[in-house]
N, C-alpha and C. Protein backbone atom coordinates (compact mmCIF):
# COMPACT_ATOMS: atom_id res chain seq x y z
N MET A 1 -36.72 -3.99 42.91
CA MET A 1 -36.19 -2.71 42.48
C MET A 1 -34.68 -2.77 42.30
N ILE A 2 -33.97 -3.34 43.27
CA ILE A 2 -32.51 -3.42 43.18
C ILE A 2 -32.11 -4.36 42.04
N LYS A 3 -32.86 -5.45 41.86
CA LYS A 3 -32.56 -6.38 40.76
C LYS A 3 -32.73 -5.70 39.41
N THR A 4 -33.72 -4.83 39.28
CA THR A 4 -33.96 -4.11 38.03
C THR A 4 -32.81 -3.14 37.76
N LEU A 5 -32.40 -2.41 38.79
CA LEU A 5 -31.28 -1.48 38.63
C LEU A 5 -29.99 -2.21 38.28
N LEU A 6 -29.77 -3.34 38.97
CA LEU A 6 -28.58 -4.14 38.70
C LEU A 6 -28.60 -4.67 37.26
N SER A 7 -29.75 -5.15 36.81
CA SER A 7 -29.88 -5.66 35.43
C SER A 7 -29.65 -4.54 34.42
N THR A 8 -30.20 -3.36 34.68
CA THR A 8 -30.02 -2.22 33.78
C THR A 8 -28.55 -1.81 33.74
N PHE A 9 -27.93 -1.73 34.91
CA PHE A 9 -26.51 -1.37 34.97
C PHE A 9 -25.65 -2.38 34.22
N LEU A 10 -25.94 -3.66 34.40
CA LEU A 10 -25.20 -4.72 33.71
C LEU A 10 -25.39 -4.63 32.19
N ALA A 11 -26.61 -4.35 31.75
CA ALA A 11 -26.89 -4.20 30.32
C ALA A 11 -26.13 -3.02 29.73
N ILE A 12 -26.06 -1.92 30.46
CA ILE A 12 -25.31 -0.74 30.00
C ILE A 12 -23.82 -1.06 29.90
N ILE A 13 -23.28 -1.73 30.89
CA ILE A 13 -21.85 -2.11 30.90
C ILE A 13 -21.56 -3.02 29.70
N ILE A 14 -22.40 -4.01 29.46
CA ILE A 14 -22.20 -4.93 28.32
C ILE A 14 -22.28 -4.16 27.00
N GLY A 15 -23.23 -3.25 26.91
CA GLY A 15 -23.37 -2.43 25.70
C GLY A 15 -22.14 -1.57 25.44
N VAL A 16 -21.63 -0.94 26.48
CA VAL A 16 -20.43 -0.10 26.34
C VAL A 16 -19.23 -0.95 25.94
N LEU A 17 -19.07 -2.11 26.55
CA LEU A 17 -17.96 -3.00 26.20
C LEU A 17 -18.08 -3.50 24.77
N ALA A 18 -19.30 -3.82 24.34
CA ALA A 18 -19.50 -4.25 22.95
C ALA A 18 -19.15 -3.13 21.98
N LEU A 19 -19.55 -1.90 22.29
CA LEU A 19 -19.23 -0.76 21.44
C LEU A 19 -17.73 -0.53 21.38
N LEU A 20 -17.05 -0.59 22.50
CA LEU A 20 -15.60 -0.43 22.52
C LEU A 20 -14.91 -1.54 21.73
N GLY A 21 -15.40 -2.76 21.85
CA GLY A 21 -14.85 -3.87 21.08
C GLY A 21 -15.01 -3.65 19.59
N TYR A 22 -16.19 -3.20 19.17
CA TYR A 22 -16.44 -2.93 17.75
C TYR A 22 -15.53 -1.81 17.24
N LEU A 23 -15.41 -0.73 18.01
CA LEU A 23 -14.56 0.38 17.58
C LEU A 23 -13.10 -0.04 17.49
N THR A 24 -12.65 -0.85 18.43
CA THR A 24 -11.27 -1.36 18.39
C THR A 24 -11.06 -2.22 17.16
N TRP A 25 -12.00 -3.13 16.88
CA TRP A 25 -11.91 -3.98 15.68
C TRP A 25 -11.89 -3.13 14.43
N SER A 26 -12.78 -2.14 14.34
CA SER A 26 -12.86 -1.28 13.16
C SER A 26 -11.56 -0.51 12.95
N TYR A 27 -10.99 -0.04 14.04
CA TYR A 27 -9.77 0.75 13.96
C TYR A 27 -8.61 -0.09 13.43
N HIS A 28 -8.52 -1.34 13.86
CA HIS A 28 -7.37 -2.17 13.51
C HIS A 28 -7.56 -3.05 12.28
N TYR A 29 -8.79 -3.46 11.98
CA TYR A 29 -8.96 -4.48 10.95
C TYR A 29 -9.93 -4.13 9.83
N ASP A 30 -10.78 -3.18 10.01
CA ASP A 30 -11.79 -2.87 9.02
C ASP A 30 -11.19 -2.11 7.84
N VAL A 31 -11.70 -2.37 6.66
CA VAL A 31 -11.30 -1.63 5.46
C VAL A 31 -12.50 -0.81 5.04
N SER A 32 -12.34 0.50 5.03
CA SER A 32 -13.46 1.38 4.73
C SER A 32 -13.53 1.66 3.23
N ALA A 33 -13.98 0.65 2.50
CA ALA A 33 -14.17 0.80 1.05
C ALA A 33 -15.29 -0.13 0.61
N VAL A 34 -15.92 0.24 -0.46
CA VAL A 34 -16.96 -0.59 -1.05
C VAL A 34 -16.34 -1.37 -2.20
N ARG A 35 -16.61 -2.66 -2.24
CA ARG A 35 -16.03 -3.50 -3.29
C ARG A 35 -16.39 -2.96 -4.67
N THR A 36 -15.36 -2.83 -5.51
CA THR A 36 -15.49 -2.33 -6.88
C THR A 36 -14.80 -3.33 -7.79
N SER A 37 -15.38 -3.59 -8.93
CA SER A 37 -14.75 -4.53 -9.88
C SER A 37 -13.36 -4.04 -10.26
N PHE A 38 -12.42 -4.96 -10.27
CA PHE A 38 -11.04 -4.63 -10.61
C PHE A 38 -10.94 -4.27 -12.09
N ALA A 39 -10.24 -3.17 -12.36
CA ALA A 39 -9.94 -2.74 -13.73
C ALA A 39 -8.48 -2.33 -13.76
N SER A 40 -7.68 -3.07 -14.50
CA SER A 40 -6.23 -2.85 -14.53
C SER A 40 -5.86 -1.43 -14.92
N ASP A 41 -6.53 -0.86 -15.91
CA ASP A 41 -6.18 0.49 -16.36
C ASP A 41 -6.48 1.54 -15.29
N ILE A 42 -7.60 1.41 -14.60
CA ILE A 42 -7.93 2.36 -13.54
C ILE A 42 -6.97 2.19 -12.36
N TRP A 43 -6.66 0.93 -12.03
CA TRP A 43 -5.71 0.66 -10.94
C TRP A 43 -4.38 1.35 -11.24
N GLN A 44 -3.86 1.15 -12.44
CA GLN A 44 -2.56 1.72 -12.78
C GLN A 44 -2.61 3.24 -12.92
N ASP A 45 -3.75 3.79 -13.37
CA ASP A 45 -3.88 5.25 -13.44
C ASP A 45 -3.84 5.89 -12.06
N ASN A 46 -4.22 5.13 -11.04
CA ASN A 46 -4.23 5.64 -9.66
C ASN A 46 -3.01 5.18 -8.87
N ALA A 47 -1.92 4.85 -9.55
CA ALA A 47 -0.72 4.36 -8.88
C ALA A 47 -0.15 5.38 -7.90
N ASN A 48 -0.18 6.66 -8.27
CA ASN A 48 0.32 7.70 -7.38
C ASN A 48 -0.86 8.22 -6.56
N ILE A 49 -1.12 7.56 -5.44
CA ILE A 49 -2.31 7.88 -4.66
C ILE A 49 -2.25 9.28 -4.04
N TYR A 50 -1.05 9.85 -3.94
CA TYR A 50 -0.91 11.18 -3.36
C TYR A 50 -0.77 12.27 -4.42
N ALA A 51 -1.14 11.99 -5.65
CA ALA A 51 -1.00 12.96 -6.73
C ALA A 51 -1.84 14.21 -6.49
N ASP A 52 -3.04 14.06 -5.93
CA ASP A 52 -3.94 15.20 -5.77
C ASP A 52 -3.99 15.76 -4.36
N SER A 53 -3.63 14.95 -3.36
CA SER A 53 -3.80 15.38 -1.99
C SER A 53 -2.93 14.54 -1.05
N ASN A 54 -2.56 15.15 0.09
CA ASN A 54 -1.85 14.39 1.13
C ASN A 54 -2.80 13.52 1.93
N ASP A 55 -4.09 13.69 1.71
CA ASP A 55 -5.13 12.89 2.37
C ASP A 55 -5.98 12.27 1.26
N PRO A 56 -5.47 11.20 0.63
CA PRO A 56 -6.10 10.71 -0.59
C PRO A 56 -7.39 9.93 -0.39
N GLY A 57 -7.67 9.50 0.83
CA GLY A 57 -8.80 8.61 1.01
C GLY A 57 -8.41 7.20 0.58
N CYS A 58 -9.39 6.38 0.33
CA CYS A 58 -9.14 4.98 -0.01
C CYS A 58 -9.25 4.80 -1.52
N ILE A 59 -8.24 5.24 -2.25
CA ILE A 59 -8.27 5.32 -3.71
C ILE A 59 -8.47 3.95 -4.38
N ARG A 60 -7.69 2.96 -4.00
CA ARG A 60 -7.74 1.65 -4.66
C ARG A 60 -8.36 0.55 -3.79
N GLY A 61 -8.89 0.92 -2.66
CA GLY A 61 -9.38 -0.07 -1.70
C GLY A 61 -10.48 -0.97 -2.23
N GLY A 62 -11.45 -0.40 -2.94
CA GLY A 62 -12.55 -1.21 -3.47
C GLY A 62 -12.09 -2.27 -4.45
N MET A 63 -11.14 -1.90 -5.31
CA MET A 63 -10.61 -2.88 -6.27
C MET A 63 -9.74 -3.91 -5.56
N ALA A 64 -9.04 -3.49 -4.50
CA ALA A 64 -8.23 -4.43 -3.73
C ALA A 64 -9.12 -5.47 -3.05
N ILE A 65 -10.26 -5.04 -2.54
CA ILE A 65 -11.20 -5.98 -1.93
C ILE A 65 -11.65 -6.99 -2.99
N ASP A 66 -11.92 -6.52 -4.19
CA ASP A 66 -12.33 -7.42 -5.28
C ASP A 66 -11.22 -8.42 -5.60
N LEU A 67 -9.97 -7.96 -5.66
CA LEU A 67 -8.84 -8.87 -5.94
C LEU A 67 -8.72 -9.94 -4.86
N VAL A 68 -8.89 -9.54 -3.61
CA VAL A 68 -8.77 -10.49 -2.50
C VAL A 68 -9.92 -11.49 -2.52
N GLU A 69 -11.15 -10.99 -2.67
CA GLU A 69 -12.31 -11.87 -2.58
C GLU A 69 -12.46 -12.81 -3.78
N THR A 70 -12.08 -12.36 -4.98
CA THR A 70 -12.19 -13.22 -6.16
C THR A 70 -10.97 -14.12 -6.34
N LYS A 71 -9.91 -13.83 -5.56
CA LYS A 71 -8.65 -14.58 -5.68
C LYS A 71 -8.11 -14.54 -7.11
N LEU A 72 -8.30 -13.41 -7.76
CA LEU A 72 -7.89 -13.22 -9.16
C LEU A 72 -6.39 -13.42 -9.36
N LEU A 73 -5.60 -13.07 -8.36
CA LEU A 73 -4.14 -13.13 -8.51
C LEU A 73 -3.54 -14.50 -8.19
N ARG A 74 -4.30 -15.34 -7.50
CA ARG A 74 -3.78 -16.63 -7.05
C ARG A 74 -3.27 -17.45 -8.24
N GLY A 75 -2.03 -17.95 -8.10
CA GLY A 75 -1.43 -18.80 -9.12
C GLY A 75 -0.70 -18.03 -10.22
N LYS A 76 -0.86 -16.70 -10.25
CA LYS A 76 -0.19 -15.90 -11.28
C LYS A 76 1.29 -15.71 -10.91
N THR A 77 2.10 -15.53 -11.94
CA THR A 77 3.53 -15.26 -11.72
C THR A 77 3.72 -13.79 -11.37
N ILE A 78 4.90 -13.47 -10.90
CA ILE A 78 5.21 -12.07 -10.57
C ILE A 78 5.08 -11.19 -11.81
N SER A 79 5.53 -11.66 -12.96
CA SER A 79 5.42 -10.84 -14.17
C SER A 79 3.97 -10.64 -14.57
N GLU A 80 3.11 -11.64 -14.38
CA GLU A 80 1.69 -11.48 -14.68
C GLU A 80 1.04 -10.46 -13.72
N VAL A 81 1.45 -10.49 -12.46
CA VAL A 81 0.92 -9.55 -11.47
C VAL A 81 1.35 -8.14 -11.83
N THR A 82 2.62 -7.95 -12.16
CA THR A 82 3.08 -6.60 -12.48
C THR A 82 2.46 -6.11 -13.80
N TYR A 83 2.12 -7.01 -14.69
CA TYR A 83 1.41 -6.61 -15.90
C TYR A 83 0.03 -6.05 -15.55
N LEU A 84 -0.67 -6.73 -14.62
CA LEU A 84 -2.01 -6.29 -14.21
C LEU A 84 -2.00 -5.07 -13.30
N LEU A 85 -1.08 -5.06 -12.33
CA LEU A 85 -1.10 -4.04 -11.28
C LEU A 85 -0.04 -2.95 -11.45
N GLY A 86 0.91 -3.16 -12.32
CA GLY A 86 2.01 -2.21 -12.44
C GLY A 86 3.11 -2.52 -11.45
N ASP A 87 4.05 -1.61 -11.31
CA ASP A 87 5.17 -1.82 -10.41
C ASP A 87 4.75 -1.61 -8.96
N PRO A 88 5.17 -2.51 -8.08
CA PRO A 88 4.83 -2.36 -6.65
C PRO A 88 5.69 -1.26 -6.02
N ILE A 89 5.25 -0.76 -4.87
CA ILE A 89 6.09 0.21 -4.15
C ILE A 89 7.21 -0.48 -3.41
N GLU A 90 7.02 -1.78 -3.16
CA GLU A 90 8.03 -2.57 -2.47
C GLU A 90 7.91 -4.01 -2.96
N ALA A 91 9.04 -4.65 -3.18
CA ALA A 91 9.02 -6.04 -3.63
C ALA A 91 10.15 -6.80 -2.94
N THR A 92 9.82 -8.01 -2.49
CA THR A 92 10.80 -8.94 -1.95
C THR A 92 10.60 -10.27 -2.67
N ASP A 93 11.39 -11.27 -2.30
CA ASP A 93 11.19 -12.60 -2.88
C ASP A 93 9.86 -13.21 -2.45
N GLN A 94 9.33 -12.75 -1.30
CA GLN A 94 8.12 -13.33 -0.74
C GLN A 94 6.85 -12.51 -0.98
N ALA A 95 6.97 -11.24 -1.33
CA ALA A 95 5.76 -10.41 -1.43
C ALA A 95 5.97 -9.17 -2.30
N LEU A 96 4.86 -8.71 -2.85
CA LEU A 96 4.79 -7.43 -3.55
C LEU A 96 3.78 -6.58 -2.79
N HIS A 97 4.06 -5.28 -2.67
CA HIS A 97 3.15 -4.38 -1.95
C HIS A 97 2.73 -3.22 -2.85
N TYR A 98 1.42 -2.94 -2.82
CA TYR A 98 0.84 -1.87 -3.61
C TYR A 98 0.05 -0.94 -2.69
N GLU A 99 0.25 0.38 -2.85
CA GLU A 99 -0.47 1.36 -2.04
C GLU A 99 -1.95 1.40 -2.42
N LEU A 100 -2.79 1.50 -1.40
CA LEU A 100 -4.23 1.61 -1.62
C LEU A 100 -4.78 2.98 -1.26
N GLY A 101 -4.12 3.68 -0.37
CA GLY A 101 -4.63 4.92 0.19
C GLY A 101 -4.86 4.72 1.67
N GLN A 102 -5.68 5.55 2.25
CA GLN A 102 -5.96 5.47 3.69
C GLN A 102 -7.30 4.76 3.87
N CYS A 103 -7.23 3.43 3.95
CA CYS A 103 -8.43 2.58 3.94
C CYS A 103 -8.79 1.95 5.27
N SER A 104 -7.99 2.10 6.29
CA SER A 104 -8.32 1.45 7.55
C SER A 104 -8.03 2.37 8.72
N GLY A 105 -8.42 1.93 9.88
CA GLY A 105 -8.22 2.77 11.07
C GLY A 105 -9.04 4.03 10.97
N PHE A 106 -10.28 3.91 10.53
CA PHE A 106 -11.16 5.05 10.32
C PHE A 106 -10.58 6.02 9.30
N GLY A 107 -9.78 5.51 8.36
CA GLY A 107 -9.20 6.34 7.32
C GLY A 107 -7.96 7.08 7.76
N TRP A 108 -7.35 6.65 8.84
CA TRP A 108 -6.18 7.35 9.36
C TRP A 108 -4.86 6.68 9.01
N HIS A 109 -4.92 5.47 8.49
CA HIS A 109 -3.69 4.73 8.25
C HIS A 109 -3.57 4.34 6.78
N ASN A 110 -2.35 4.44 6.27
CA ASN A 110 -2.10 3.98 4.91
C ASN A 110 -2.24 2.47 4.87
N THR A 111 -2.78 1.99 3.78
CA THR A 111 -3.07 0.58 3.63
C THR A 111 -2.43 0.06 2.36
N LEU A 112 -2.04 -1.21 2.38
CA LEU A 112 -1.38 -1.84 1.24
C LEU A 112 -2.12 -3.10 0.82
N LEU A 113 -2.01 -3.42 -0.46
CA LEU A 113 -2.36 -4.75 -0.94
C LEU A 113 -1.07 -5.53 -0.90
N SER A 114 -1.04 -6.58 -0.10
CA SER A 114 0.14 -7.42 0.02
C SER A 114 -0.11 -8.70 -0.77
N VAL A 115 0.72 -8.94 -1.77
CA VAL A 115 0.59 -10.11 -2.63
C VAL A 115 1.73 -11.07 -2.26
N SER A 116 1.37 -12.18 -1.59
CA SER A 116 2.36 -13.15 -1.14
C SER A 116 2.72 -14.10 -2.27
N VAL A 117 4.02 -14.38 -2.39
CA VAL A 117 4.53 -15.24 -3.46
C VAL A 117 5.18 -16.48 -2.83
N ASN A 118 4.88 -17.66 -3.37
CA ASN A 118 5.46 -18.89 -2.84
C ASN A 118 6.84 -19.15 -3.47
N ASN A 119 7.47 -20.26 -3.10
CA ASN A 119 8.83 -20.55 -3.59
C ASN A 119 8.86 -20.91 -5.08
N LYS A 120 7.71 -21.12 -5.71
CA LYS A 120 7.65 -21.36 -7.16
C LYS A 120 7.52 -20.05 -7.94
N GLY A 121 7.44 -18.93 -7.22
CA GLY A 121 7.29 -17.64 -7.86
C GLY A 121 5.86 -17.33 -8.27
N GLU A 122 4.89 -18.02 -7.64
CA GLU A 122 3.47 -17.81 -7.94
C GLU A 122 2.77 -17.21 -6.73
N VAL A 123 1.72 -16.46 -6.99
CA VAL A 123 0.95 -15.85 -5.91
C VAL A 123 0.23 -16.92 -5.12
N SER A 124 0.42 -16.89 -3.80
CA SER A 124 -0.27 -17.83 -2.93
C SER A 124 -1.48 -17.18 -2.26
N ARG A 125 -1.40 -15.86 -2.02
CA ARG A 125 -2.53 -15.14 -1.46
C ARG A 125 -2.32 -13.65 -1.58
N ALA A 126 -3.44 -12.93 -1.49
CA ALA A 126 -3.40 -11.48 -1.47
C ALA A 126 -4.22 -11.02 -0.27
N SER A 127 -3.75 -10.00 0.42
CA SER A 127 -4.46 -9.50 1.58
C SER A 127 -4.24 -8.00 1.71
N ILE A 128 -5.12 -7.39 2.47
CA ILE A 128 -5.02 -5.95 2.72
C ILE A 128 -4.43 -5.77 4.11
N VAL A 129 -3.35 -5.00 4.20
CA VAL A 129 -2.62 -4.82 5.46
C VAL A 129 -2.31 -3.35 5.68
N TRP A 130 -2.02 -3.00 6.92
CA TRP A 130 -1.55 -1.65 7.25
C TRP A 130 -0.14 -1.47 6.75
N ASP A 131 0.16 -0.27 6.32
CA ASP A 131 1.52 0.09 5.98
C ASP A 131 2.23 0.51 7.26
N THR A 132 3.28 -0.20 7.62
CA THR A 132 4.01 0.15 8.84
C THR A 132 5.10 1.15 8.50
N PRO A 133 5.05 2.31 9.16
CA PRO A 133 6.04 3.37 8.85
C PRO A 133 7.43 2.99 9.28
């Protein structure tokens, strides 16, 4: 009887810890969007993600997932990227950043497509990151 109670209690504790781990992962790393084929014209039409609301949702997230997974931008120059994606909200010598909307943290945090550029001026990788205020 005690072994059964102990086993049940242990199973509940493991289940609760697994749920908390999943929720923590989802809050920090999950992107709440369904992959959508990238379309340059639609991407650029949605450049102002706050045009309709202060809570835009994940406007460009699905296309950003497609860009990351297909590696469409890899090897392209900065001018080729800006032709496809338009002007970034922030640009440095190492990266270009594009707003996606509120795609992570259960939809509570602004998210960016970060396009990393190598020393040759070509895209080395693209990733989805949180926008740090």
